[in-house]
Amino acid sequence: MVASSMVFSFFLCLSNFILLNLVMAVLMQELQEAMQRSQKTQSSLSVLMSVSAAANKWAQKATGSEAGSVVSLNISPSKGSVEAPSPMEGALAAVKRKNSTAE
């Protein structure tokens, strides 16, 4: 009787240990996949920013003003937030500059 309860207790401890290891392995795999997705998103965002900067330079050269700078993104690395200016900011800046030079 004592031997059977000791074997059963040993079996319970061993099965709990195995289940705990399986759960930890699944959680570690999910963490690694999430980290890879995060790195992929950051690289995509940097490509988007460089394309946006190139488009802004082209638009500034084409129009001769900063009216084309409506697609720029401001990223603050400390907060990790992305702020997009309103589409009218570049055009408004160009109009203000023309008005100030006309006076």
PDB file of N, CA and C in Angstrom:
ATOM      1  N   MET A   1       0.818  -1.182   0.000  1.00  0.00           N
ATOM      2  CA  MET A   1       0.000   0.000   0.000  1.00  0.00           C
ATOM      3  C   MET A   1       0.869   1.257   0.000  1.00  0.00           C
ATOM      4  N   VAL A   2       1.896   1.273   0.841  1.00  0.00           N
ATOM      5  CA  VAL A   2       2.789   2.428   0.912  1.00  0.00           C
ATOM      6  C   VAL A   2       3.585   2.547  -0.382  1.00  0.00           C
ATOM      7  N   ALA A   3       3.989   1.443  -0.946  1.00  0.00           N
ATOM      8  CA  ALA A   3       4.774   1.470  -2.180  1.00  0.00           C
ATOM      9  C   ALA A   3       3.937   2.000  -3.337  1.00  0.00           C
ATOM     10  N   SER A   4       2.674   1.601  -3.415  1.00  0.00           N
ATOM     11  CA  SER A   4       1.831   2.063  -4.515  1.00  0.00           C
ATOM     12  C   SER A   4       1.557   3.560  -4.405  1.00  0.00           C
ATOM     13  N   SER A   5       1.371   4.085  -3.211  1.00  0.00           N
ATOM     14  CA  SER A   5       1.146   5.532  -3.061  1.00  0.00           C
ATOM     15  C   SER A   5       2.424   6.314  -3.355  1.00  0.00           C
ATOM     16  N   MET A   6       3.591   5.746  -3.058  1.00  0.00           N
ATOM     17  CA  MET A   6       4.846   6.418  -3.393  1.00  0.00           C
ATOM     18  C   MET A   6       5.064   6.435  -4.903  1.00  0.00           C
ATOM     19  N   VAL A   7       4.732   5.332  -5.588  1.00  0.00           N
ATOM     20  CA  VAL A   7       4.859   5.274  -7.041  1.00  0.00           C
ATOM     21  C   VAL A   7       3.896   6.274  -7.677  1.00  0.00           C
ATOM     22  N   PHE A   8       2.661   6.340  -7.157  1.00  0.00           N
ATOM     23  CA  PHE A   8       1.685   7.282  -7.686  1.00  0.00           C
ATOM     24  C   PHE A   8       2.146   8.726  -7.469  1.00  0.00           C
ATOM     25  N   SER A   9       2.700   9.048  -6.307  1.00  0.00           N
ATOM     26  CA  SER A   9       3.204  10.396  -6.035  1.00  0.00           C
ATOM     27  C   SER A   9       4.370  10.735  -6.960  1.00  0.00           C
ATOM     28  N   PHE A  10       5.261   9.755  -7.169  1.00  0.00           N
ATOM     29  CA  PHE A  10       6.378   9.965  -8.086  1.00  0.00           C
ATOM     30  C   PHE A  10       5.868  10.209  -9.502  1.00  0.00           C
ATOM     31  N   PHE A  11       4.854   9.453  -9.933  1.00  0.00           N
ATOM     32  CA  PHE A  11       4.274   9.631 -11.259  1.00  0.00           C
ATOM     33  C   PHE A  11       3.644  11.020 -11.401  1.00  0.00           C
ATOM     34  N   LEU A  12       2.928  11.479 -10.378  1.00  0.00           N
ATOM     35  CA  LEU A  12       2.319  12.814 -10.424  1.00  0.00           C
ATOM     36  C   LEU A  12       3.375  13.908 -10.525  1.00  0.00           C
ATOM     37  N   CYS A  13       4.430  13.793  -9.731  1.00  0.00           N
ATOM     38  CA  CYS A  13       5.502  14.802  -9.774  1.00  0.00           C
ATOM     39  C   CYS A  13       6.187  14.808 -11.136  1.00  0.00           C
ATOM     40  N   LEU A  14       6.472  13.634 -11.670  1.00  0.00           N
ATOM     41  CA  LEU A  14       7.140  13.528 -12.961  1.00  0.00           C
ATOM     42  C   LEU A  14       6.250  14.065 -14.090  1.00  0.00           C
ATOM     43  N   SER A  15       4.964  13.746 -14.085  1.00  0.00           N
ATOM     44  CA  SER A  15       4.074  14.229 -15.137  1.00  0.00           C
ATOM     45  C   SER A  15       3.890  15.742 -15.056  1.00  0.00           C
ATOM     46  N   ASN A  16       3.821  16.300 -13.855  1.00  0.00           N
ATOM     47  CA  ASN A  16       3.718  17.757 -13.708  1.00  0.00           C
ATOM     48  C   ASN A  16       4.979  18.444 -14.216  1.00  0.00           C
ATOM     49  N   PHE A  17       6.138  17.852 -13.944  1.00  0.00           N
ATOM     50  CA  PHE A  17       7.398  18.418 -14.414  1.00  0.00           C
ATOM     51  C   PHE A  17       7.450  18.417 -15.946  1.00  0.00           C
ATOM     52  N   ILE A  18       7.013  17.323 -16.562  1.00  0.00           N
ATOM     53  CA  ILE A  18       7.019  17.228 -18.023  1.00  0.00           C
ATOM     54  C   ILE A  18       6.049  18.232 -18.625  1.00  0.00           C
ATOM     55  N   LEU A  19       4.856  18.356 -18.066  1.00  0.00           N
ATOM     56  CA  LEU A  19       3.890  19.319 -18.571  1.00  0.00           C
ATOM     57  C   LEU A  19       4.394  20.752 -18.421  1.00  0.00           C
ATOM     58  N   LEU A  20       5.042  21.052 -17.318  1.00  0.00           N
ATOM     59  CA  LEU A  20       5.605  22.380 -17.113  1.00  0.00           C
ATOM     60  C   LEU A  20       6.674  22.681 -18.168  1.00  0.00           C
ATOM     61  N   ASN A  21       7.516  21.712 -18.465  1.00  0.00           N
ATOM     62  CA  ASN A  21       8.540  21.905 -19.491  1.00  0.00           C
ATOM     63  C   ASN A  21       7.920  22.120 -20.869  1.00  0.00           C
ATOM     64  N   LEU A  22       6.855  21.414 -21.180  1.00  0.00           N
ATOM     65  CA  LEU A  22       6.183  21.596 -22.470  1.00  0.00           C
ATOM     66  C   LEU A  22       5.581  22.992 -22.585  1.00  0.00           C
ATOM     67  N   VAL A  23       4.937  23.453 -21.526  1.00  0.00           N
ATOM     68  CA  VAL A  23       4.345  24.790 -21.539  1.00  0.00           C
ATOM     69  C   VAL A  23       5.423  25.850 -21.689  1.00  0.00           C
ATOM     70  N   MET A  24       6.516  25.703 -20.996  1.00  0.00           N
ATOM     71  CA  MET A  24       7.615  26.671 -21.098  1.00  0.00           C
ATOM     72  C   MET A  24       8.221  26.663 -22.508  1.00  0.00           C
ATOM     73  N   ALA A  25       8.332  25.493 -23.124  1.00  0.00           N
ATOM     74  CA  ALA A  25       8.879  25.421 -24.478  1.00  0.00           C
ATOM     75  C   ALA A  25       7.964  26.133 -25.470  1.00  0.00           C
ATOM     76  N   VAL A  26       6.658  25.968 -25.333  1.00  0.00           N
ATOM     77  CA  VAL A  26       5.715  26.639 -26.230  1.00  0.00           C
ATOM     78  C   VAL A  26       5.780  28.148 -26.024  1.00  0.00           C
ATOM     79  N   LEU A  27       5.850  28.595 -24.773  1.00  0.00           N
ATOM     80  CA  LEU A  27       5.931  30.025 -24.494  1.00  0.00           C
ATOM     81  C   LEU A  27       7.223  30.640 -25.028  1.00  0.00           C
ATOM     82  N   MET A  28       8.331  29.937 -24.919  1.00  0.00           N
ATOM     83  CA  MET A  28       9.603  30.447 -25.443  1.00  0.00           C
ATOM     84  C   MET A  28       9.550  30.541 -26.975  1.00  0.00           C
ATOM     85  N   GLN A  29       8.918  29.563 -27.633  1.00  0.00           N
ATOM     86  CA  GLN A  29       8.788  29.605 -29.088  1.00  0.00           C
ATOM     87  C   GLN A  29       7.944  30.805 -29.509  1.00  0.00           C
ATOM     88  N   GLU A  30       6.848  31.061 -28.803  1.00  0.00           N
ATOM     89  CA  GLU A  30       6.003  32.212 -29.113  1.00  0.00           C
ATOM     90  C   GLU A  30       6.763  33.522 -28.900  1.00  0.00           C
ATOM     91  N   LEU A  31       7.576  33.583 -27.858  1.00  0.00           N
ATOM     92  CA  LEU A  31       8.377  34.784 -27.599  1.00  0.00           C
ATOM     93  C   LEU A  31       9.376  35.030 -28.719  1.00  0.00           C
ATOM     94  N   GLN A  32      10.043  33.990 -29.189  1.00  0.00           N
ATOM     95  CA  GLN A  32      11.001  34.141 -30.281  1.00  0.00           C
ATOM     96  C   GLN A  32      10.314  34.599 -31.564  1.00  0.00           C
ATOM     97  N   GLU A  33       9.146  34.056 -31.857  1.00  0.00           N
ATOM     98  CA  GLU A  33       8.417  34.471 -33.050  1.00  0.00           C
ATOM     99  C   GLU A  33       7.967  35.925 -32.950  1.00  0.00           C
ATOM    100  N   ALA A  34       7.546  36.342 -31.759  1.00  0.00           N
ATOM    101  CA  ALA A  34       7.127  37.729 -31.564  1.00  0.00           C
ATOM    102  C   ALA A  34       8.315  38.677 -31.730  1.00  0.00           C
ATOM    103  N   MET A  35       9.481  38.290 -31.266  1.00  0.00           N
ATOM    104  CA  MET A  35      10.674  39.123 -31.414  1.00  0.00           C
ATOM    105  C   MET A  35      11.051  39.239 -32.893  1.00  0.00           C
ATOM    106  N   GLN A  36      10.942  38.162 -33.650  1.00  0.00           N
ATOM    107  CA  GLN A  36      11.248  38.206 -35.076  1.00  0.00           C
ATOM    108  C   GLN A  36      10.253  39.090 -35.820  1.00  0.00           C
ATOM    109  N   ARG A  37       8.969  39.004 -35.461  1.00  0.00           N
ATOM    110  CA  ARG A  37       7.968  39.869 -36.091  1.00  0.00           C
ATOM    111  C   ARG A  37       8.247  41.330 -35.779  1.00  0.00           C
ATOM    112  N   SER A  38       8.686  41.607 -34.555  1.00  0.00           N
ATOM    113  CA  SER A  38       8.993  42.983 -34.166  1.00  0.00           C
ATOM    114  C   SER A  38      10.167  43.523 -34.976  1.00  0.00           C
ATOM    115  N   GLN A  39      11.204  42.722 -35.148  1.00  0.00           N
ATOM    116  CA  GLN A  39      12.356  43.149 -35.939  1.00  0.00           C
ATOM    117  C   GLN A  39      11.964  43.367 -37.398  1.00  0.00           C
ATOM    118  N   LYS A  40      11.094  42.517 -37.918  1.00  0.00           N
ATOM    119  CA  LYS A  40      10.645  42.660 -39.300  1.00  0.00           C
ATOM    120  C   LYS A  40       9.839  43.941 -39.463  1.00  0.00           C
ATOM    121  N   THR A  41       9.015  44.271 -38.466  1.00  0.00           N
ATOM    122  CA  THR A  41       8.219  45.494 -38.511  1.00  0.00           C
ATOM    123  C   THR A  41       9.117  46.718 -38.459  1.00  0.00           C
ATOM    124  N   GLN A  42      10.157  46.684 -37.617  1.00  0.00           N
ATOM    125  CA  GLN A  42      11.076  47.817 -37.531  1.00  0.00           C
ATOM    126  C   GLN A  42      11.819  48.022 -38.842  1.00  0.00           C
ATOM    127  N   SER A  43      12.239  46.939 -39.481  1.00  0.00           N
ATOM    128  CA  SER A  43      12.947  47.088 -40.755  1.00  0.00           C
ATOM    129  C   SER A  43      11.996  47.609 -41.832  1.00  0.00           C
ATOM    130  N   SER A  44      10.745  47.169 -41.816  1.00  0.00           N
ATOM    131  CA  SER A  44       9.762  47.675 -42.783  1.00  0.00           C
ATOM    132  C   SER A  44       9.508  49.155 -42.561  1.00  0.00           C
ATOM    133  N   LEU A  45       9.461  49.568 -41.289  1.00  0.00           N
ATOM    134  CA  LEU A  45       9.233  50.974 -40.979  1.00  0.00           C
ATOM    135  C   LEU A  45      10.405  51.829 -41.426  1.00  0.00           C
ATOM    136  N   SER A  46      11.634  51.332 -41.289  1.00  0.00           N
ATOM    137  CA  SER A  46      12.789  52.115 -41.728  1.00  0.00           C
ATOM    138  C   SER A  46      12.800  52.252 -43.254  1.00  0.00           C
ATOM    139  N   VAL A  47      12.390  51.201 -43.975  1.00  0.00           N
ATOM    140  CA  VAL A  47      12.290  51.289 -45.431  1.00  0.00           C
ATOM    141  C   VAL A  47      11.227  52.304 -45.812  1.00  0.00           C
ATOM    142  N   LEU A  48      10.100  52.281 -45.123  1.00  0.00           N
ATOM    143  CA  LEU A  48       9.022  53.229 -45.396  1.00  0.00           C
ATOM    144  C   LEU A  48       9.483  54.662 -45.153  1.00  0.00           C
ATOM    145  N   MET A  49      10.241  54.878 -44.093  1.00  0.00           N
ATOM    146  CA  MET A  49      10.740  56.220 -43.791  1.00  0.00           C
ATOM    147  C   MET A  49      11.727  56.696 -44.851  1.00  0.00           C
ATOM    148  N   SER A  50      12.599  55.813 -45.331  1.00  0.00           N
ATOM    149  CA  SER A  50      13.564  56.231 -46.346  1.00  0.00           C
ATOM    150  C   SER A  50      12.856  56.526 -47.671  1.00  0.00           C
ATOM    151  N   VAL A  51      11.849  55.748 -48.018  1.00  0.00           N
ATOM    152  CA  VAL A  51      11.079  56.018 -49.234  1.00  0.00           C
ATOM    153  C   VAL A  51      10.335  57.339 -49.086  1.00  0.00           C
ATOM    154  N   SER A  52       9.786  57.589 -47.903  1.00  0.00           N
ATOM    155  CA  SER A  52       9.070  58.837 -47.655  1.00  0.00           C
ATOM    156  C   SER A  52      10.019  60.031 -47.767  1.00  0.00           C
ATOM    157  N   ALA A  53      11.217  59.904 -47.218  1.00  0.00           N
ATOM    158  CA  ALA A  53      12.192  60.990 -47.295  1.00  0.00           C
ATOM    159  C   ALA A  53      12.594  61.250 -48.749  1.00  0.00           C
ATOM    160  N   ALA A  54      12.783  60.178 -49.514  1.00  0.00           N
ATOM    161  CA  ALA A  54      13.134  60.344 -50.925  1.00  0.00           C
ATOM    162  C   ALA A  54      11.995  60.996 -51.699  1.00  0.00           C
ATOM    163  N   ALA A  55      10.762  60.606 -51.403  1.00  0.00           N
ATOM    164  CA  ALA A  55       9.609  61.215 -52.073  1.00  0.00           C
ATOM    165  C   ALA A  55       9.492  62.686 -51.708  1.00  0.00           C
ATOM    166  N   ASN A  56       9.783  63.028 -50.461  1.00  0.00           N
ATOM    167  CA  ASN A  56       9.732  64.434 -50.041  1.00  0.00           C
ATOM    168  C   ASN A  56      10.793  65.258 -50.766  1.00  0.00           C
ATOM    169  N   LYS A  57      12.003  64.717 -50.876  1.00  0.00           N
ATOM    170  CA  LYS A  57      13.067  65.437 -51.585  1.00  0.00           C
ATOM    171  C   LYS A  57      12.693  65.653 -53.045  1.00  0.00           C
ATOM    172  N   TRP A  58      12.133  64.615 -53.662  1.00  0.00           N
ATOM    173  CA  TRP A  58      11.729  64.736 -55.060  1.00  0.00           C
ATOM    174  C   TRP A  58      10.628  65.778 -55.211  1.00  0.00           C
ATOM    175  N   ALA A  59       9.646  65.751 -54.310  1.00  0.00           N
ATOM    176  CA  ALA A  59       8.544  66.706 -54.390  1.00  0.00           C
ATOM    177  C   ALA A  59       9.026  68.132 -54.143  1.00  0.00           C
ATOM    178  N   GLN A  60       9.990  68.299 -53.246  1.00  0.00           N
ATOM    179  CA  GLN A  60      10.530  69.636 -52.988  1.00  0.00           C
ATOM    180  C   GLN A  60      11.281  70.153 -54.198  1.00  0.00           C
ATOM    181  N   LYS A  61      12.039  69.288 -54.848  1.00  0.00           N
ATOM    182  CA  LYS A  61      12.759  69.712 -56.046  1.00  0.00           C
ATOM    183  C   LYS A  61      11.801  69.992 -57.196  1.00  0.00           C
ATOM    184  N   ALA A  62      10.736  69.194 -57.283  1.00  0.00           N
ATOM    185  CA  ALA A  62       9.785  69.355 -58.382  1.00  0.00           C
ATOM    186  C   ALA A  62       8.960  70.627 -58.222  1.00  0.00           C
ATOM    187  N   THR A  63       8.584  70.954 -56.999  1.00  0.00           N
ATOM    188  CA  THR A  63       7.721  72.123 -56.787  1.00  0.00           C
ATOM    189  C   THR A  63       8.511  73.354 -56.381  1.00  0.00           C
ATOM    190  N   GLY A  64       9.723  73.164 -55.943  1.00  0.00           N
ATOM    191  CA  GLY A  64      10.534  74.288 -55.497  1.00  0.00           C
ATOM    192  C   GLY A  64      10.144  74.784 -54.115  1.00  0.00           C
ATOM    193  N   SER A  65       9.377  74.011 -53.398  1.00  0.00           N
ATOM    194  CA  SER A  65       8.968  74.404 -52.039  1.00  0.00           C
ATOM    195  C   SER A  65       8.850  73.162 -51.187  1.00  0.00           C
ATOM    196  N   GLU A  66       8.418  73.363 -49.944  1.00  0.00           N
ATOM    197  CA  GLU A  66       8.229  72.236 -49.037  1.00  0.00           C
ATOM    198  C   GLU A  66       6.798  71.750 -49.052  1.00  0.00           C
ATOM    199  N   ALA A  67       6.032  72.103 -50.066  1.00  0.00           N
ATOM    200  CA  ALA A  67       4.637  71.682 -50.138  1.00  0.00           C
ATOM    201  C   ALA A  67       4.522  70.170 -50.291  1.00  0.00           C
ATOM    202  N   GLY A  68       5.571  69.524 -50.758  1.00  0.00           N
ATOM    203  CA  GLY A  68       5.513  68.079 -50.937  1.00  0.00           C
ATOM    204  C   GLY A  68       5.820  67.295 -49.686  1.00  0.00           C
ATOM    205  N   SER A  69       6.085  67.975 -48.586  1.00  0.00           N
ATOM    206  CA  SER A  69       6.491  67.256 -47.381  1.00  0.00           C
ATOM    207  C   SER A  69       5.302  66.857 -46.523  1.00  0.00           C
ATOM    208  N   VAL A  70       4.295  66.317 -47.143  1.00  0.00           N
ATOM    209  CA  VAL A  70       3.107  65.935 -46.394  1.00  0.00           C
ATOM    210  C   VAL A  70       3.107  64.471 -45.993  1.00  0.00           C
ATOM    211  N   VAL A  71       4.103  63.691 -46.411  1.00  0.00           N
ATOM    212  CA  VAL A  71       4.103  62.275 -46.086  1.00  0.00           C
ATOM    213  C   VAL A  71       5.201  61.898 -45.103  1.00  0.00           C
ATOM    214  N   SER A  72       5.818  62.867 -44.454  1.00  0.00           N
ATOM    215  CA  SER A  72       6.912  62.545 -43.550  1.00  0.00           C
ATOM    216  C   SER A  72       6.384  61.983 -42.242  1.00  0.00           C
ATOM    217  N   LEU A  73       7.185  61.119 -41.614  1.00  0.00           N
ATOM    218  CA  LEU A  73       6.834  60.531 -40.328  1.00  0.00           C
ATOM    219  C   LEU A  73       7.844  60.982 -39.294  1.00  0.00           C
ATOM    220  N   ASN A  74       7.360  61.334 -38.124  1.00  0.00           N
ATOM    221  CA  ASN A  74       8.237  61.693 -37.012  1.00  0.00           C
ATOM    222  C   ASN A  74       8.190  60.561 -36.010  1.00  0.00           C
ATOM    223  N   ILE A  75       9.336  59.939 -35.755  1.00  0.00           N
ATOM    224  CA  ILE A  75       9.389  58.828 -34.818  1.00  0.00           C
ATOM    225  C   ILE A  75      10.281  59.221 -33.665  1.00  0.00           C
ATOM    226  N   SER A  76       9.753  59.108 -32.453  1.00  0.00           N
ATOM    227  CA  SER A  76      10.573  59.368 -31.290  1.00  0.00           C
ATOM    228  C   SER A  76      11.021  58.017 -30.747  1.00  0.00           C
ATOM    229  N   PRO A  77      12.320  57.699 -30.832  1.00  0.00           N
ATOM    230  CA  PRO A  77      12.784  56.369 -30.446  1.00  0.00           C
ATOM    231  C   PRO A  77      12.618  56.086 -28.962  1.00  0.00           C
ATOM    232  N   SER A  78      12.614  57.121 -28.121  1.00  0.00           N
ATOM    233  CA  SER A  78      12.492  56.854 -26.700  1.00  0.00           C
ATOM    234  C   SER A  78      11.091  56.381 -26.342  1.00  0.00           C
ATOM    235  N   LYS A  79      10.079  56.913 -27.004  1.00  0.00           N
ATOM    236  CA  LYS A  79       8.710  56.523 -26.702  1.00  0.00           C
ATOM    237  C   LYS A  79       8.239  55.394 -27.600  1.00  0.00           C
ATOM    238  N   GLY A  80       8.854  55.238 -28.770  1.00  0.00           N
ATOM    239  CA  GLY A  80       8.450  54.205 -29.700  1.00  0.00           C
ATOM    240  C   GLY A  80       7.152  54.517 -30.414  1.00  0.00           C
ATOM    241  N   SER A  81       6.749  55.791 -30.403  1.00  0.00           N
ATOM    242  CA  SER A  81       5.484  56.144 -31.032  1.00  0.00           C
ATOM    243  C   SER A  81       5.738  56.743 -32.409  1.00  0.00           C
ATOM    244  N   VAL A  82       4.774  56.612 -33.269  1.00  0.00           N
ATOM    245  CA  VAL A  82       4.854  57.157 -34.618  1.00  0.00           C
ATOM    246  C   VAL A  82       3.798  58.235 -34.746  1.00  0.00           C
ATOM    247  N   GLU A  83       4.224  59.432 -35.152  1.00  0.00           N
ATOM    248  CA  GLU A  83       3.298  60.535 -35.331  1.00  0.00           C
ATOM    249  C   GLU A  83       3.357  60.974 -36.786  1.00  0.00           C
ATOM    250  N   ALA A  84       2.242  60.997 -37.454  1.00  0.00           N
ATOM    251  CA  ALA A  84       2.181  61.454 -38.832  1.00  0.00           C
ATOM    252  C   ALA A  84       1.561  62.846 -38.846  1.00  0.00           C
ATOM    253  N   PRO A  85       2.214  63.814 -39.496  1.00  0.00           N
ATOM    254  CA  PRO A  85       1.633  65.151 -39.560  1.00  0.00           C
ATOM    255  C   PRO A  85       0.396  65.141 -40.446  1.00  0.00           C
ATOM    256  N   SER A  86      -0.431  66.160 -40.278  1.00  0.00           N
ATOM    257  CA  SER A  86      -1.629  66.235 -41.110  1.00  0.00           C
ATOM    258  C   SER A  86      -1.214  66.523 -42.552  1.00  0.00           C
ATOM    259  N   PRO A  87      -2.000  66.106 -43.520  1.00  0.00           N
ATOM    260  CA  PRO A  87      -1.631  66.292 -44.925  1.00  0.00           C
ATOM    261  C   PRO A  87      -1.499  67.749 -45.337  1.00  0.00           C
ATOM    262  N   MET A  88      -2.096  68.661 -44.591  1.00  0.00           N
ATOM    263  CA  MET A  88      -2.084  70.064 -44.991  1.00  0.00           C
ATOM    264  C   MET A  88      -0.892  70.846 -44.422  1.00  0.00           C
ATOM    265  N   GLU A  89      -0.124  70.254 -43.510  1.00  0.00           N
ATOM    266  CA  GLU A  89       0.958  71.003 -42.864  1.00  0.00           C
ATOM    267  C   GLU A  89       1.997  71.517 -43.858  1.00  0.00           C
ATOM    268  N   GLY A  90       2.419  70.680 -44.798  1.00  0.00           N
ATOM    269  CA  GLY A  90       3.415  71.107 -45.779  1.00  0.00           C
ATOM    270  C   GLY A  90       2.893  72.210 -46.683  1.00  0.00           C
ATOM    271  N   ALA A  91       1.656  72.064 -47.130  1.00  0.00           N
ATOM    272  CA  ALA A  91       1.064  73.086 -48.000  1.00  0.00           C
ATOM    273  C   ALA A  91       0.881  74.398 -47.251  1.00  0.00           C
ATOM    274  N   LEU A  92       0.456  74.311 -45.977  1.00  0.00           N
ATOM    275  CA  LEU A  92       0.278  75.532 -45.183  1.00  0.00           C
ATOM    276  C   LEU A  92       1.612  76.237 -44.945  1.00  0.00           C
ATOM    277  N   ALA A  93       2.660  75.471 -44.730  1.00  0.00           N
ATOM    278  CA  ALA A  93       3.980  76.073 -44.518  1.00  0.00           C
ATOM    279  C   ALA A  93       4.440  76.800 -45.780  1.00  0.00           C
ATOM    280  N   ALA A  94       4.172  76.214 -46.946  1.00  0.00           N
ATOM    281  CA  ALA A  94       4.562  76.851 -48.205  1.00  0.00           C
ATOM    282  C   ALA A  94       3.780  78.138 -48.431  1.00  0.00           C
ATOM    283  N   VAL A  95       2.475  78.135 -48.120  1.00  0.00           N
ATOM    284  CA  VAL A  95       1.653  79.334 -48.286  1.00  0.00           C
ATOM    285  C   VAL A  95       2.106  80.430 -47.335  1.00  0.00           C
ATOM    286  N   LYS A  96       2.402  80.069 -46.092  1.00  0.00           N
ATOM    287  CA  LYS A  96       2.876  81.065 -45.122  1.00  0.00           C
ATOM    288  C   LYS A  96       4.200  81.671 -45.579  1.00  0.00           C
ATOM    289  N   ARG A  97       5.073  80.826 -46.115  1.00  0.00           N
ATOM    290  CA  ARG A  97       6.374  81.313 -46.572  1.00  0.00           C
ATOM    291  C   ARG A  97       6.201  82.255 -47.766  1.00  0.00           C
ATOM    292  N   LYS A  98       5.297  81.916 -48.676  1.00  0.00           N
ATOM    293  CA  LYS A  98       5.050  82.797 -49.831  1.00  0.00           C
ATOM    294  C   LYS A  98       4.444  84.119 -49.378  1.00  0.00           C
ATOM    295  N   ASN A  99       3.544  84.065 -48.406  1.00  0.00           N
ATOM    296  CA  ASN A  99       2.928  85.299 -47.900  1.00  0.00           C
ATOM    297  C   ASN A  99       3.942  86.185 -47.187  1.00  0.00           C
ATOM    298  N   SER A 100       4.865  85.564 -46.463  1.00  0.00           N
ATOM    299  CA  SER A 100       5.857  86.362 -45.734  1.00  0.00           C
ATOM    300  C   SER A 100       6.865  86.991 -46.701  1.00  0.00           C
ATOM    301  N   THR A 101       7.183  86.319 -47.808  1.00  0.00           N
ATOM    302  CA  THR A 101       8.119  86.881 -48.773  1.00  0.00           C
ATOM    303  C   THR A 101       7.436  87.925 -49.670  1.00  0.00           C
ATOM    304  N   ALA A 102       6.115  87.821 -49.835  1.00  0.00           N
ATOM    305  CA  ALA A 102       5.384  88.773 -50.675  1.00  0.00           C
ATOM    306  C   ALA A 102       5.241  90.137 -49.987  1.00  0.00           C
ATOM    307  N   GLU A 103       5.280  90.155 -48.674  1.00  0.00           N
ATOM    308  CA  GLU A 103       5.106  91.424 -47.935  1.00  0.00           C
ATOM    309  C   GLU A 103       6.317  92.241 -47.929  1.00  0.00           C
TER     310      GLU A 103
END
